[in-house]
């Protein structure tokens, strides 16, 4: 799955989407945990936000997490101490948004509302 055991904690592979509308665990995609963050990918802000968000999600202190690789890319490896690999994965899976895939679901429409032109006003006849 998205982690492997290490002598000093569990290694978890994460794929980050910075600049999103909200912080959330999207779910597992292949061998990576997909996470969306509101923080921009500038000056390490997304990395700091990732560590804080994952720590909060796991019920740990930020000092229990370490960014092992991927400081300048979207794919990262985190080392988590204080939880077993199984418990960490269980908590992360439980925090994933169900039914989120980036596509509009039932009752949602993509794009502008029908019958409305630019600016949200009805076109003049």
PDB file of N, CA and C in Angstrom:
ATOM      1  N   UNK A   1       0.843  -1.174   0.000  1.00  0.00           N
ATOM      2  CA  UNK A   1       0.000   0.000   0.000  1.00  0.00           C
ATOM      3  C   UNK A   1       0.886   1.233   0.000  1.00  0.00           C
ATOM      4  N   UNK A   2       0.487   2.318   0.629  1.00  0.00           N
ATOM      5  CA  UNK A   2       1.188   3.585   0.514  1.00  0.00           C
ATOM      6  C   UNK A   2       2.264   3.778   1.564  1.00  0.00           C
ATOM      7  N   UNK A   3       2.781   2.712   2.141  1.00  0.00           N
ATOM      8  CA  UNK A   3       3.826   2.898   3.138  1.00  0.00           C
ATOM      9  C   UNK A   3       4.690   1.658   3.246  1.00  0.00           C
ATOM     10  N   UNK A   4       5.762   1.817   3.965  1.00  0.00           N
ATOM     11  CA  UNK A   4       6.613   0.676   4.298  1.00  0.00           C
ATOM     12  C   UNK A   4       7.168   0.920   5.687  1.00  0.00           C
ATOM     13  N   UNK A   5       7.486  -0.159   6.375  1.00  0.00           N
ATOM     14  CA  UNK A   5       8.000  -0.035   7.732  1.00  0.00           C
ATOM     15  C   UNK A   5       9.464   0.362   7.692  1.00  0.00           C
ATOM     16  N   UNK A   6       9.854   1.167   8.637  1.00  0.00           N
ATOM     17  CA  UNK A   6      11.230   1.606   8.788  1.00  0.00           C
ATOM     18  C   UNK A   6      11.622   1.315  10.226  1.00  0.00           C
ATOM     19  N   UNK A   7      12.919   1.251  10.491  1.00  0.00           N
ATOM     20  CA  UNK A   7      13.375   0.979  11.851  1.00  0.00           C
ATOM     21  C   UNK A   7      12.929   2.075  12.813  1.00  0.00           C
ATOM     22  N   UNK A   8      12.729   3.288  12.302  1.00  0.00           N
ATOM     23  CA  UNK A   8      12.353   4.410  13.160  1.00  0.00           C
ATOM     24  C   UNK A   8      11.009   5.000  12.757  1.00  0.00           C
ATOM     25  N   UNK A   9      10.076   4.200  12.356  1.00  0.00           N
ATOM     26  CA  UNK A   9       8.750   4.691  11.997  1.00  0.00           C
ATOM     27  C   UNK A   9       8.286   4.097  10.684  1.00  0.00           C
ATOM     28  N   UNK A  10       7.140   4.588  10.223  1.00  0.00           N
ATOM     29  CA  UNK A  10       6.570   4.122   8.966  1.00  0.00           C
ATOM     30  C   UNK A  10       6.775   5.171   7.899  1.00  0.00           C
ATOM     31  N   UNK A  11       7.124   4.730   6.694  1.00  0.00           N
ATOM     32  CA  UNK A  11       7.281   5.629   5.564  1.00  0.00           C
ATOM     33  C   UNK A  11       5.989   5.616   4.757  1.00  0.00           C
ATOM     34  N   UNK A  12       5.457   6.800   4.491  1.00  0.00           N
ATOM     35  CA  UNK A  12       4.203   6.931   3.757  1.00  0.00           C
ATOM     36  C   UNK A  12       4.443   7.794   2.526  1.00  0.00           C
ATOM     37  N   UNK A  13       4.054   7.272   1.371  1.00  0.00           N
ATOM     38  CA  UNK A  13       4.170   8.025   0.116  1.00  0.00           C
ATOM     39  C   UNK A  13       2.921   8.881  -0.046  1.00  0.00           C
ATOM     40  N   UNK A  14       3.144  10.146  -0.370  1.00  0.00           N
ATOM     41  CA  UNK A  14       2.042  11.102  -0.485  1.00  0.00           C
ATOM     42  C   UNK A  14       2.167  11.859  -1.793  1.00  0.00           C
ATOM     43  N   UNK A  15       1.064  12.074  -2.459  1.00  0.00           N
ATOM     44  CA  UNK A  15       0.975  12.911  -3.666  1.00  0.00           C
ATOM     45  C   UNK A  15       0.147  14.132  -3.280  1.00  0.00           C
ATOM     46  N   UNK A  16       0.744  15.324  -3.372  1.00  0.00           N
ATOM     47  CA  UNK A  16       0.116  16.552  -2.899  1.00  0.00           C
ATOM     48  C   UNK A  16      -0.393  17.386  -4.070  1.00  0.00           C
ATOM     49  N   UNK A  17      -1.596  17.935  -3.904  1.00  0.00           N
ATOM     50  CA  UNK A  17      -2.157  18.906  -4.839  1.00  0.00           C
ATOM     51  C   UNK A  17      -2.295  20.221  -4.089  1.00  0.00           C
ATOM     52  N   UNK A  18      -1.304  21.119  -4.198  1.00  0.00           N
ATOM     53  CA  UNK A  18      -1.371  22.401  -3.480  1.00  0.00           C
ATOM     54  C   UNK A  18      -2.320  23.367  -4.174  1.00  0.00           C
ATOM     55  N   UNK A  19      -2.722  24.410  -3.453  1.00  0.00           N
ATOM     56  CA  UNK A  19      -3.591  25.436  -4.023  1.00  0.00           C
ATOM     57  C   UNK A  19      -5.022  24.977  -4.234  1.00  0.00           C
ATOM     58  N   UNK A  20      -5.469  23.966  -3.514  1.00  0.00           N
ATOM     59  CA  UNK A  20      -6.837  23.444  -3.642  1.00  0.00           C
ATOM     60  C   UNK A  20      -7.807  24.305  -2.839  1.00  0.00           C
ATOM     61  N   UNK A  21      -9.081  24.041  -2.979  1.00  0.00           N
ATOM     62  CA  UNK A  21     -10.096  24.829  -2.281  1.00  0.00           C
ATOM     63  C   UNK A  21     -10.177  24.509  -0.792  1.00  0.00           C
ATOM     64  N   UNK A  22      -9.709  23.321  -0.399  1.00  0.00           N
ATOM     65  CA  UNK A  22      -9.707  22.960   1.023  1.00  0.00           C
ATOM     66  C   UNK A  22      -8.707  21.847   1.274  1.00  0.00           C
ATOM     67  N   UNK A  23      -8.305  21.717   2.536  1.00  0.00           N
ATOM     68  CA  UNK A  23      -7.400  20.637   2.935  1.00  0.00           C
ATOM     69  C   UNK A  23      -8.225  19.371   3.098  1.00  0.00           C
ATOM     70  N   UNK A  24      -7.790  18.284   2.450  1.00  0.00           N
ATOM     71  CA  UNK A  24      -8.520  17.027   2.587  1.00  0.00           C
ATOM     72  C   UNK A  24      -7.669  15.856   2.123  1.00  0.00           C
ATOM     73  N   UNK A  25      -7.972  14.690   2.683  1.00  0.00           N
ATOM     74  CA  UNK A  25      -7.395  13.437   2.208  1.00  0.00           C
ATOM     75  C   UNK A  25      -8.322  12.950   1.102  1.00  0.00           C
ATOM     76  N   UNK A  26      -7.794  12.832  -0.096  1.00  0.00           N
ATOM     77  CA  UNK A  26      -8.607  12.383  -1.223  1.00  0.00           C
ATOM     78  C   UNK A  26      -8.768  10.863  -1.182  1.00  0.00           C
ATOM     79  N   UNK A  27      -7.688  10.168  -0.869  1.00  0.00           N
ATOM     80  CA  UNK A  27      -7.728   8.713  -0.796  1.00  0.00           C
ATOM     81  C   UNK A  27      -6.433   8.134  -1.335  1.00  0.00           C
ATOM     82  N   UNK A  28      -6.408   6.838  -1.509  1.00  0.00           N
ATOM     83  CA  UNK A  28      -5.223   6.171  -2.019  1.00  0.00           C
ATOM     84  C   UNK A  28      -5.330   6.029  -3.520  1.00  0.00           C
ATOM     85  N   UNK A  29      -4.240   6.359  -4.208  1.00  0.00           N
ATOM     86  CA  UNK A  29      -4.163   6.210  -5.652  1.00  0.00           C
ATOM     87  C   UNK A  29      -2.869   5.463  -5.951  1.00  0.00           C
ATOM     88  N   UNK A  30      -3.009   4.219  -6.344  1.00  0.00           N
ATOM     89  CA  UNK A  30      -1.830   3.387  -6.525  1.00  0.00           C
ATOM     90  C   UNK A  30      -1.163   3.165  -5.174  1.00  0.00           C
ATOM     91  N   UNK A  31       0.119   3.463  -5.099  1.00  0.00           N
ATOM     92  CA  UNK A  31       0.831   3.275  -3.831  1.00  0.00           C
ATOM     93  C   UNK A  31       1.023   4.594  -3.078  1.00  0.00           C
ATOM     94  N   UNK A  32       0.276   5.632  -3.462  1.00  0.00           N
ATOM     95  CA  UNK A  32       0.403   6.933  -2.803  1.00  0.00           C
ATOM     96  C   UNK A  32      -0.920   7.379  -2.190  1.00  0.00           C
ATOM     97  N   UNK A  33      -0.797   8.110  -1.087  1.00  0.00           N
ATOM     98  CA  UNK A  33      -1.939   8.766  -0.482  1.00  0.00           C
ATOM     99  C   UNK A  33      -2.074  10.116  -1.157  1.00  0.00           C
ATOM    100  N   UNK A  34      -3.236  10.422  -1.702  1.00  0.00           N
ATOM    101  CA  UNK A  34      -3.446  11.698  -2.380  1.00  0.00           C
ATOM    102  C   UNK A  34      -4.066  12.683  -1.401  1.00  0.00           C
ATOM    103  N   UNK A  35      -3.433  13.870  -1.281  1.00  0.00           N
ATOM    104  CA  UNK A  35      -3.860  14.906  -0.343  1.00  0.00           C
ATOM    105  C   UNK A  35      -3.974  16.231  -1.085  1.00  0.00           C
ATOM    106  N   UNK A  36      -5.064  16.958  -0.868  1.00  0.00           N
ATOM    107  CA  UNK A  36      -5.242  18.305  -1.400  1.00  0.00           C
ATOM    108  C   UNK A  36      -5.022  19.298  -0.273  1.00  0.00           C
ATOM    109  N   UNK A  37      -4.286  20.375  -0.572  1.00  0.00           N
ATOM    110  CA  UNK A  37      -3.992  21.400   0.427  1.00  0.00           C
ATOM    111  C   UNK A  37      -4.303  22.780  -0.125  1.00  0.00           C
ATOM    112  N   UNK A  38      -4.749  23.687   0.737  1.00  0.00           N
ATOM    113  CA  UNK A  38      -5.013  25.060   0.314  1.00  0.00           C
ATOM    114  C   UNK A  38      -3.727  25.860   0.163  1.00  0.00           C
ATOM    115  N   UNK A  39      -2.695  25.475   0.849  1.00  0.00           N
ATOM    116  CA  UNK A  39      -1.427  26.216   0.828  1.00  0.00           C
ATOM    117  C   UNK A  39      -0.822  26.201  -0.575  1.00  0.00           C
ATOM    118  N   UNK A  40      -0.214  27.325  -0.970  1.00  0.00           N
ATOM    119  CA  UNK A  40       0.441  27.378  -2.280  1.00  0.00           C
ATOM    120  C   UNK A  40       1.801  26.681  -2.238  1.00  0.00           C
ATOM    121  N   UNK A  41       2.279  26.235  -3.397  1.00  0.00           N
ATOM    122  CA  UNK A  41       3.581  25.568  -3.434  1.00  0.00           C
ATOM    123  C   UNK A  41       4.730  26.572  -3.504  1.00  0.00           C
ATOM    124  N   UNK A  42       4.780  27.475  -2.530  1.00  0.00           N
ATOM    125  CA  UNK A  42       5.767  28.558  -2.526  1.00  0.00           C
ATOM    126  C   UNK A  42       6.473  28.594  -1.179  1.00  0.00           C
ATOM    127  N   UNK A  43       7.784  28.704  -1.201  1.00  0.00           N
ATOM    128  CA  UNK A  43       8.588  28.879   0.014  1.00  0.00           C
ATOM    129  C   UNK A  43       8.319  27.830   1.087  1.00  0.00           C
ATOM    130  N   UNK A  44       8.035  26.591   0.696  1.00  0.00           N
ATOM    131  CA  UNK A  44       7.828  25.519   1.662  1.00  0.00           C
ATOM    132  C   UNK A  44       6.488  25.557   2.385  1.00  0.00           C
ATOM    133  N   UNK A  45       5.577  26.446   1.963  1.00  0.00           N
ATOM    134  CA  UNK A  45       4.278  26.557   2.648  1.00  0.00           C
ATOM    135  C   UNK A  45       3.461  25.278   2.518  1.00  0.00           C
ATOM    136  N   UNK A  46       3.475  24.661   1.344  1.00  0.00           N
ATOM    137  CA  UNK A  46       2.707  23.417   1.161  1.00  0.00           C
ATOM    138  C   UNK A  46       3.308  22.284   1.985  1.00  0.00           C
ATOM    139  N   UNK A  47       4.625  22.235   2.094  1.00  0.00           N
ATOM    140  CA  UNK A  47       5.264  21.185   2.901  1.00  0.00           C
ATOM    141  C   UNK A  47       4.898  21.336   4.373  1.00  0.00           C
ATOM    142  N   UNK A  48       4.948  22.573   4.888  1.00  0.00           N
ATOM    143  CA  UNK A  48       4.583  22.809   6.287  1.00  0.00           C
ATOM    144  C   UNK A  48       3.116  22.487   6.520  1.00  0.00           C
ATOM    145  N   UNK A  49       2.260  22.872   5.569  1.00  0.00           N
ATOM    146  CA  UNK A  49       0.830  22.582   5.692  1.00  0.00           C
ATOM    147  C   UNK A  49       0.572  21.084   5.660  1.00  0.00           C
ATOM    148  N   UNK A  50       1.309  20.359   4.805  1.00  0.00           N
ATOM    149  CA  UNK A  50       1.156  18.903   4.717  1.00  0.00           C
ATOM    150  C   UNK A  50       1.494  18.246   6.047  1.00  0.00           C
ATOM    151  N   UNK A  51       2.633  18.601   6.625  1.00  0.00           N
ATOM    152  CA  UNK A  51       3.030  18.001   7.899  1.00  0.00           C
ATOM    153  C   UNK A  51       2.010  18.299   8.996  1.00  0.00           C
ATOM    154  N   UNK A  52       1.528  19.531   9.055  1.00  0.00           N
ATOM    155  CA  UNK A  52       0.528  19.884  10.060  1.00  0.00           C
ATOM    156  C   UNK A  52      -0.792  19.162   9.847  1.00  0.00           C
ATOM    157  N   UNK A  53      -1.222  19.088   8.597  1.00  0.00           N
ATOM    158  CA  UNK A  53      -2.501  18.440   8.279  1.00  0.00           C
ATOM    159  C   UNK A  53      -2.453  16.940   8.563  1.00  0.00           C
ATOM    160  N   UNK A  54      -1.382  16.277   8.132  1.00  0.00           N
ATOM    161  CA  UNK A  54      -1.267  14.832   8.369  1.00  0.00           C
ATOM    162  C   UNK A  54      -1.138  14.552   9.868  1.00  0.00           C
ATOM    163  N   UNK A  55      -0.368  15.372  10.574  1.00  0.00           N
ATOM    164  CA  UNK A  55      -0.234  15.190  12.026  1.00  0.00           C
ATOM    165  C   UNK A  55      -1.593  15.308  12.704  1.00  0.00           C
ATOM    166  N   UNK A  56      -2.360  16.318  12.333  1.00  0.00           N
ATOM    167  CA  UNK A  56      -3.695  16.515  12.920  1.00  0.00           C
ATOM    168  C   UNK A  56      -4.613  15.334  12.579  1.00  0.00           C
ATOM    169  N   UNK A  57      -4.565  14.894  11.337  1.00  0.00           N
ATOM    170  CA  UNK A  57      -5.396  13.771  10.892  1.00  0.00           C
ATOM    171  C   UNK A  57      -5.061  12.494  11.651  1.00  0.00           C
ATOM    172  N   UNK A  58      -3.776  12.298  11.934  1.00  0.00           N
ATOM    173  CA  UNK A  58      -3.342  11.093  12.646  1.00  0.00           C
ATOM    174  C   UNK A  58      -3.433  11.232  14.158  1.00  0.00           C
ATOM    175  N   UNK A  59      -3.707  12.440  14.649  1.00  0.00           N
ATOM    176  CA  UNK A  59      -3.757  12.664  16.095  1.00  0.00           C
ATOM    177  C   UNK A  59      -2.369  12.696  16.717  1.00  0.00           C
ATOM    178  N   UNK A  60      -1.390  13.176  15.959  1.00  0.00           N
ATOM    179  CA  UNK A  60      -0.010  13.240  16.416  1.00  0.00           C
ATOM    180  C   UNK A  60       0.474  14.690  16.471  1.00  0.00           C
ATOM    181  N   UNK A  61       1.664  14.880  17.024  1.00  0.00           N
ATOM    182  CA  UNK A  61       2.321  16.191  16.978  1.00  0.00           C
ATOM    183  C   UNK A  61       3.038  16.310  15.644  1.00  0.00           C
ATOM    184  N   UNK A  62       3.218  17.527  15.172  1.00  0.00           N
ATOM    185  CA  UNK A  62       3.951  17.739  13.923  1.00  0.00           C
ATOM    186  C   UNK A  62       5.372  17.200  14.027  1.00  0.00           C
ATOM    187  N   UNK A  63       5.936  17.205  15.228  1.00  0.00           N
ATOM    188  CA  UNK A  63       7.295  16.695  15.418  1.00  0.00           C
ATOM    189  C   UNK A  63       7.377  15.175  15.252  1.00  0.00           C
ATOM    190  N   UNK A  64       6.230  14.488  15.193  1.00  0.00           N
ATOM    191  CA  UNK A  64       6.207  13.047  14.964  1.00  0.00           C
ATOM    192  C   UNK A  64       6.277  12.698  13.479  1.00  0.00           C
ATOM    193  N   UNK A  65       6.304  13.732  12.630  1.00  0.00           N
ATOM    194  CA  UNK A  65       6.401  13.526  11.189  1.00  0.00           C
ATOM    195  C   UNK A  65       7.659  14.185  10.663  1.00  0.00           C
ATOM    196  N   UNK A  66       8.212  13.582   9.625  1.00  0.00           N
ATOM    197  CA  UNK A  66       9.396  14.138   8.987  1.00  0.00           C
ATOM    198  C   UNK A  66       9.258  13.976   7.482  1.00  0.00           C
ATOM    199  N   UNK A  67       9.558  15.041   6.749  1.00  0.00           N
ATOM    200  CA  UNK A  67       9.578  14.976   5.294  1.00  0.00           C
ATOM    201  C   UNK A  67      10.914  14.362   4.882  1.00  0.00           C
ATOM    202  N   UNK A  68      10.873  13.115   4.416  1.00  0.00           N
ATOM    203  CA  UNK A  68      12.099  12.385   4.068  1.00  0.00           C
ATOM    204  C   UNK A  68      12.578  12.707   2.658  1.00  0.00           C
ATOM    205  N   UNK A  69      11.652  12.918   1.725  1.00  0.00           N
ATOM    206  CA  UNK A  69      12.036  13.267   0.354  1.00  0.00           C
ATOM    207  C   UNK A  69      10.871  13.950  -0.341  1.00  0.00           C
ATOM    208  N   UNK A  70      11.206  14.665  -1.421  1.00  0.00           N
ATOM    209  CA  UNK A  70      10.176  15.317  -2.217  1.00  0.00           C
ATOM    210  C   UNK A  70       9.881  16.746  -1.819  1.00  0.00           C
ATOM    211  N   UNK A  71      10.818  17.431  -1.207  1.00  0.00           N
ATOM    212  CA  UNK A  71      10.583  18.801  -0.732  1.00  0.00           C
ATOM    213  C   UNK A  71      10.169  19.743  -1.853  1.00  0.00           C
ATOM    214  N   UNK A  72      10.625  19.504  -3.082  1.00  0.00           N
ATOM    215  CA  UNK A  72      10.307  20.433  -4.160  1.00  0.00           C
ATOM    216  C   UNK A  72       9.380  19.831  -5.219  1.00  0.00           C
ATOM    217  N   UNK A  73       8.819  18.666  -4.954  1.00  0.00           N
ATOM    218  CA  UNK A  73       7.919  18.038  -5.919  1.00  0.00           C
ATOM    219  C   UNK A  73       6.580  17.703  -5.287  1.00  0.00           C
ATOM    220  N   UNK A  74       5.679  17.181  -6.087  1.00  0.00           N
ATOM    221  CA  UNK A  74       4.360  16.795  -5.570  1.00  0.00           C
ATOM    222  C   UNK A  74       4.379  15.441  -4.882  1.00  0.00           C
ATOM    223  N   UNK A  75       5.251  14.551  -5.311  1.00  0.00           N
ATOM    224  CA  UNK A  75       5.372  13.235  -4.681  1.00  0.00           C
ATOM    225  C   UNK A  75       6.367  13.329  -3.539  1.00  0.00           C
ATOM    226  N   UNK A  76       5.947  12.905  -2.359  1.00  0.00           N
ATOM    227  CA  UNK A  76       6.755  13.042  -1.153  1.00  0.00           C
ATOM    228  C   UNK A  76       6.756  11.735  -0.367  1.00  0.00           C
ATOM    229  N   UNK A  77       7.727  11.596   0.513  1.00  0.00           N
ATOM    230  CA  UNK A  77       7.760  10.478   1.441  1.00  0.00           C
ATOM    231  C   UNK A  77       7.866  11.066   2.840  1.00  0.00           C
ATOM    232  N   UNK A  78       6.920  10.678   3.697  1.00  0.00           N
ATOM    233  CA  UNK A  78       6.899  11.127   5.085  1.00  0.00           C
ATOM    234  C   UNK A  78       7.265   9.966   5.993  1.00  0.00           C
ATOM    235  N   UNK A  79       8.003  10.263   7.062  1.00  0.00           N
ATOM    236  CA  UNK A  79       8.236   9.260   8.104  1.00  0.00           C
ATOM    237  C   UNK A  79       7.351   9.622   9.276  1.00  0.00           C
ATOM    238  N   UNK A  80       6.548   8.653   9.717  1.00  0.00           N
ATOM    239  CA  UNK A  80       5.619   8.837  10.832  1.00  0.00           C
ATOM    240  C   UNK A  80       6.099   7.979  11.996  1.00  0.00           C
ATOM    241  N   UNK A  81       6.284   8.617  13.151  1.00  0.00           N
ATOM    242  CA  UNK A  81       6.629   7.871  14.364  1.00  0.00           C
ATOM    243  C   UNK A  81       5.503   8.042  15.366  1.00  0.00           C
ATOM    244  N   UNK A  82       5.347   7.070  16.238  1.00  0.00           N
ATOM    245  CA  UNK A  82       4.311   7.150  17.267  1.00  0.00           C
ATOM    246  C   UNK A  82       3.078   6.320  16.972  1.00  0.00           C
ATOM    247  N   UNK A  83       2.991   5.767  15.761  1.00  0.00           N
ATOM    248  CA  UNK A  83       1.871   4.891  15.378  1.00  0.00           C
ATOM    249  C   UNK A  83       2.425   3.724  14.586  1.00  0.00           C
ATOM    250  N   UNK A  84       1.746   2.600  14.665  1.00  0.00           N
ATOM    251  CA  UNK A  84       2.116   1.491  13.799  1.00  0.00           C
ATOM    252  C   UNK A  84       1.723   1.836  12.364  1.00  0.00           C
ATOM    253  N   UNK A  85       2.333   1.169  11.418  1.00  0.00           N
ATOM    254  CA  UNK A  85       2.002   1.374  10.012  1.00  0.00           C
ATOM    255  C   UNK A  85       0.525   1.125   9.759  1.00  0.00           C
ATOM    256  N   UNK A  86       0.003   0.051  10.331  1.00  0.00           N
ATOM    257  CA  UNK A  86      -1.399  -0.311  10.128  1.00  0.00           C
ATOM    258  C   UNK A  86      -2.341   0.754  10.688  1.00  0.00           C
ATOM    259  N   UNK A  87      -2.030   1.272  11.880  1.00  0.00           N
ATOM    260  CA  UNK A  87      -2.877   2.288  12.496  1.00  0.00           C
ATOM    261  C   UNK A  87      -2.838   3.592  11.704  1.00  0.00           C
ATOM    262  N   UNK A  88      -1.660   3.989  11.246  1.00  0.00           N
ATOM    263  CA  UNK A  88      -1.534   5.216  10.457  1.00  0.00           C
ATOM    264  C   UNK A  88      -2.348   5.109   9.169  1.00  0.00           C
ATOM    265  N   UNK A  89      -2.217   3.996   8.465  1.00  0.00           N
ATOM    266  CA  UNK A  89      -2.967   3.808   7.222  1.00  0.00           C
ATOM    267  C   UNK A  89      -4.466   3.755   7.475  1.00  0.00           C
ATOM    268  N   UNK A  90      -4.868   3.128   8.564  1.00  0.00           N
ATOM    269  CA  UNK A  90      -6.283   3.050   8.901  1.00  0.00           C
ATOM    270  C   UNK A  90      -6.867   4.443   9.161  1.00  0.00           C
ATOM    271  N   UNK A  91      -6.149   5.256   9.914  1.00  0.00           N
ATOM    272  CA  UNK A  91      -6.629   6.606  10.210  1.00  0.00           C
ATOM    273  C   UNK A  91      -6.681   7.473   8.957  1.00  0.00           C
ATOM    274  N   UNK A  92      -5.682   7.340   8.102  1.00  0.00           N
ATOM    275  CA  UNK A  92      -5.676   8.125   6.862  1.00  0.00           C
ATOM    276  C   UNK A  92      -6.796   7.684   5.925  1.00  0.00           C
ATOM    277  N   UNK A  93      -7.006   6.383   5.815  1.00  0.00           N
ATOM    278  CA  UNK A  93      -8.095   5.879   4.968  1.00  0.00           C
ATOM    279  C   UNK A  93      -9.448   6.329   5.506  1.00  0.00           C
ATOM    280  N   UNK A  94      -9.594   6.351   6.827  1.00  0.00           N
ATOM    281  CA  UNK A  94     -10.850   6.787   7.434  1.00  0.00           C
ATOM    282  C   UNK A  94     -11.124   8.267   7.249  1.00  0.00           C
ATOM    283  N   UNK A  95     -10.075   9.056   6.996  1.00  0.00           N
ATOM    284  CA  UNK A  95     -10.233  10.496   6.809  1.00  0.00           C
ATOM    285  C   UNK A  95     -10.509  10.870   5.361  1.00  0.00           C
ATOM    286  N   UNK A  96     -10.419   9.910   4.441  1.00  0.00           N
ATOM    287  CA  UNK A  96     -10.615  10.199   3.018  1.00  0.00           C
ATOM    288  C   UNK A  96     -12.053  10.606   2.737  1.00  0.00           C
ATOM    289  N   UNK A  97     -12.201  11.576   1.829  1.00  0.00           N
ATOM    290  CA  UNK A  97     -13.528  12.016   1.409  1.00  0.00           C
ATOM    291  C   UNK A  97     -14.168  10.943   0.535  1.00  0.00           C
ATOM    292  N   UNK A  98     -15.316  10.407   0.934  1.00  0.00           N
ATOM    293  CA  UNK A  98     -15.970   9.413   0.093  1.00  0.00           C
ATOM    294  C   UNK A  98     -16.592  10.067  -1.133  1.00  0.00           C
ATOM    295  N   UNK A  99     -16.487   9.412  -2.260  1.00  0.00           N
ATOM    296  CA  UNK A  99     -17.155   9.881  -3.467  1.00  0.00           C
ATOM    297  C   UNK A  99     -16.516  11.091  -4.117  1.00  0.00           C
ATOM    298  N   UNK A 100     -15.330  11.485  -3.706  1.00  0.00           N
ATOM    299  CA  UNK A 100     -14.683  12.638  -4.320  1.00  0.00           C
ATOM    300  C   UNK A 100     -13.755  12.142  -5.417  1.00  0.00           C
ATOM    301  N   UNK A 101     -13.931  12.647  -6.602  1.00  0.00           N
ATOM    302  CA  UNK A 101     -13.056  12.254  -7.682  1.00  0.00           C
ATOM    303  C   UNK A 101     -12.795  13.387  -8.647  1.00  0.00           C
ATOM    304  N   UNK A 102     -13.189  14.593  -8.270  1.00  0.00           N
ATOM    305  CA  UNK A 102     -12.959  15.724  -9.136  1.00  0.00           C
ATOM    306  C   UNK A 102     -14.021  15.909 -10.198  1.00  0.00           C
ATOM    307  N   UNK A 103     -15.010  15.043 -10.235  1.00  0.00           N
ATOM    308  CA  UNK A 103     -16.083  15.154 -11.216  1.00  0.00           C
ATOM    309  C   UNK A 103     -17.372  15.520 -10.496  1.00  0.00           C
ATOM    310  N   UNK A 104     -18.232  16.268 -11.147  1.00  0.00           N
ATOM    311  CA  UNK A 104     -19.516  16.583 -10.505  1.00  0.00           C
ATOM    312  C   UNK A 104     -20.320  15.319 -10.255  1.00  0.00           C
ATOM    313  N   UNK A 105     -20.919  15.236  -9.098  1.00  0.00           N
ATOM    314  CA  UNK A 105     -21.747  14.090  -8.758  1.00  0.00           C
ATOM    315  C   UNK A 105     -23.188  14.357  -9.117  1.00  0.00           C
ATOM    316  N   UNK A 106     -24.103  13.480  -8.721  1.00  0.00           N
ATOM    317  CA  UNK A 106     -25.517  13.677  -9.007  1.00  0.00           C
ATOM    318  C   UNK A 106     -26.010  14.976  -8.392  1.00  0.00           C
ATOM    319  N   UNK A 107     -26.781  15.720  -9.154  1.00  0.00           N
ATOM    320  CA  UNK A 107     -27.349  16.960  -8.648  1.00  0.00           C
ATOM    321  C   UNK A 107     -26.400  18.145  -8.740  1.00  0.00           C
ATOM    322  N   UNK A 108     -25.210  17.928  -9.253  1.00  0.00           N
ATOM    323  CA  UNK A 108     -24.248  19.012  -9.415  1.00  0.00           C
ATOM    324  C   UNK A 108     -24.006  19.206 -10.896  1.00  0.00           C
ATOM    325  N   UNK A 109     -23.804  20.457 -11.274  1.00  0.00           N
ATOM    326  CA  UNK A 109     -23.543  20.747 -12.675  1.00  0.00           C
ATOM    327  C   UNK A 109     -22.174  21.380 -12.811  1.00  0.00           C
ATOM    328  N   UNK A 110     -21.510  21.024 -13.863  1.00  0.00           N
ATOM    329  CA  UNK A 110     -20.235  21.670 -14.161  1.00  0.00           C
ATOM    330  C   UNK A 110     -20.514  22.863 -15.062  1.00  0.00           C
ATOM    331  N   UNK A 111     -19.771  23.924 -14.882  1.00  0.00           N
ATOM    332  CA  UNK A 111     -19.918  25.078 -15.759  1.00  0.00           C
ATOM    333  C   UNK A 111     -20.997  26.023 -15.273  1.00  0.00           C
ATOM    334  N   UNK A 112     -21.416  26.909 -16.195  1.00  0.00           N
ATOM    335  CA  UNK A 112     -22.388  27.940 -15.850  1.00  0.00           C
ATOM    336  C   UNK A 112     -23.793  27.366 -15.772  1.00  0.00           C
ATOM    337  N   UNK A 113     -24.626  28.070 -15.069  1.00  0.00           N
ATOM    338  CA  UNK A 113     -26.021  27.642 -14.952  1.00  0.00           C
ATOM    339  C   UNK A 113     -26.717  27.785 -16.295  1.00  0.00           C
ATOM    340  N   UNK A 114     -27.604  26.888 -16.585  1.00  0.00           N
ATOM    341  CA  UNK A 114     -28.339  26.913 -17.841  1.00  0.00           C
ATOM    342  C   UNK A 114     -29.200  28.160 -17.912  1.00  0.00           C
ATOM    343  N   UNK A 115     -29.271  28.772 -19.096  1.00  0.00           N
ATOM    344  CA  UNK A 115     -30.116  29.936 -19.294  1.00  0.00           C
ATOM    345  C   UNK A 115     -29.477  31.238 -18.848  1.00  0.00           C
ATOM    346  N   UNK A 116     -28.254  31.186 -18.388  1.00  0.00           N
ATOM    347  CA  UNK A 116     -27.579  32.393 -17.931  1.00  0.00           C
ATOM    348  C   UNK A 116     -26.392  32.661 -18.840  1.00  0.00           C
ATOM    349  N   UNK A 117     -26.143  33.911 -19.102  1.00  0.00           N
ATOM    350  CA  UNK A 117     -24.991  34.298 -19.909  1.00  0.00           C
ATOM    351  C   UNK A 117     -23.841  34.683 -19.008  1.00  0.00           C
ATOM    352  N   UNK A 118     -22.897  35.388 -19.570  1.00  0.00           N
ATOM    353  CA  UNK A 118     -21.739  35.839 -18.806  1.00  0.00           C
ATOM    354  C   UNK A 118     -22.189  36.764 -17.691  1.00  0.00           C
ATOM    355  N   UNK A 119     -21.568  36.669 -16.554  1.00  0.00           N
ATOM    356  CA  UNK A 119     -21.902  37.529 -15.424  1.00  0.00           C
ATOM    357  C   UNK A 119     -23.113  37.057 -14.643  1.00  0.00           C
ATOM    358  N   UNK A 120     -23.692  35.913 -14.990  1.00  0.00           N
ATOM    359  CA  UNK A 120     -24.808  35.373 -14.234  1.00  0.00           C
ATOM    360  C   UNK A 120     -26.148  36.021 -14.532  1.00  0.00           C
ATOM    361  N   UNK A 121     -26.210  36.864 -15.561  1.00  0.00           N
ATOM    362  CA  UNK A 121     -27.470  37.522 -15.906  1.00  0.00           C
ATOM    363  C   UNK A 121     -28.101  36.823 -17.098  1.00  0.00           C
ATOM    364  N   UNK A 122     -29.439  36.857 -17.134  1.00  0.00           N
ATOM    365  CA  UNK A 122     -30.128  36.281 -18.276  1.00  0.00           C
ATOM    366  C   UNK A 122     -29.866  37.140 -19.505  1.00  0.00           C
ATOM    367  N   UNK A 123     -29.651  36.496 -20.640  1.00  0.00           N
ATOM    368  CA  UNK A 123     -29.431  37.282 -21.856  1.00  0.00           C
ATOM    369  C   UNK A 123     -30.703  38.026 -22.260  1.00  0.00           C
ATOM    370  N   UNK A 124     -30.504  39.211 -22.821  1.00  0.00           N
ATOM    371  CA  UNK A 124     -31.658  40.001 -23.267  1.00  0.00           C
ATOM    372  C   UNK A 124     -32.173  39.445 -24.574  1.00  0.00           C
ATOM    373  N   UNK A 125     -33.492  39.510 -24.755  1.00  0.00           N
ATOM    374  CA  UNK A 125     -34.096  39.016 -25.991  1.00  0.00           C
ATOM    375  C   UNK A 125     -34.029  40.036 -27.081  1.00  0.00           C
TER     376      UNK A 125
END
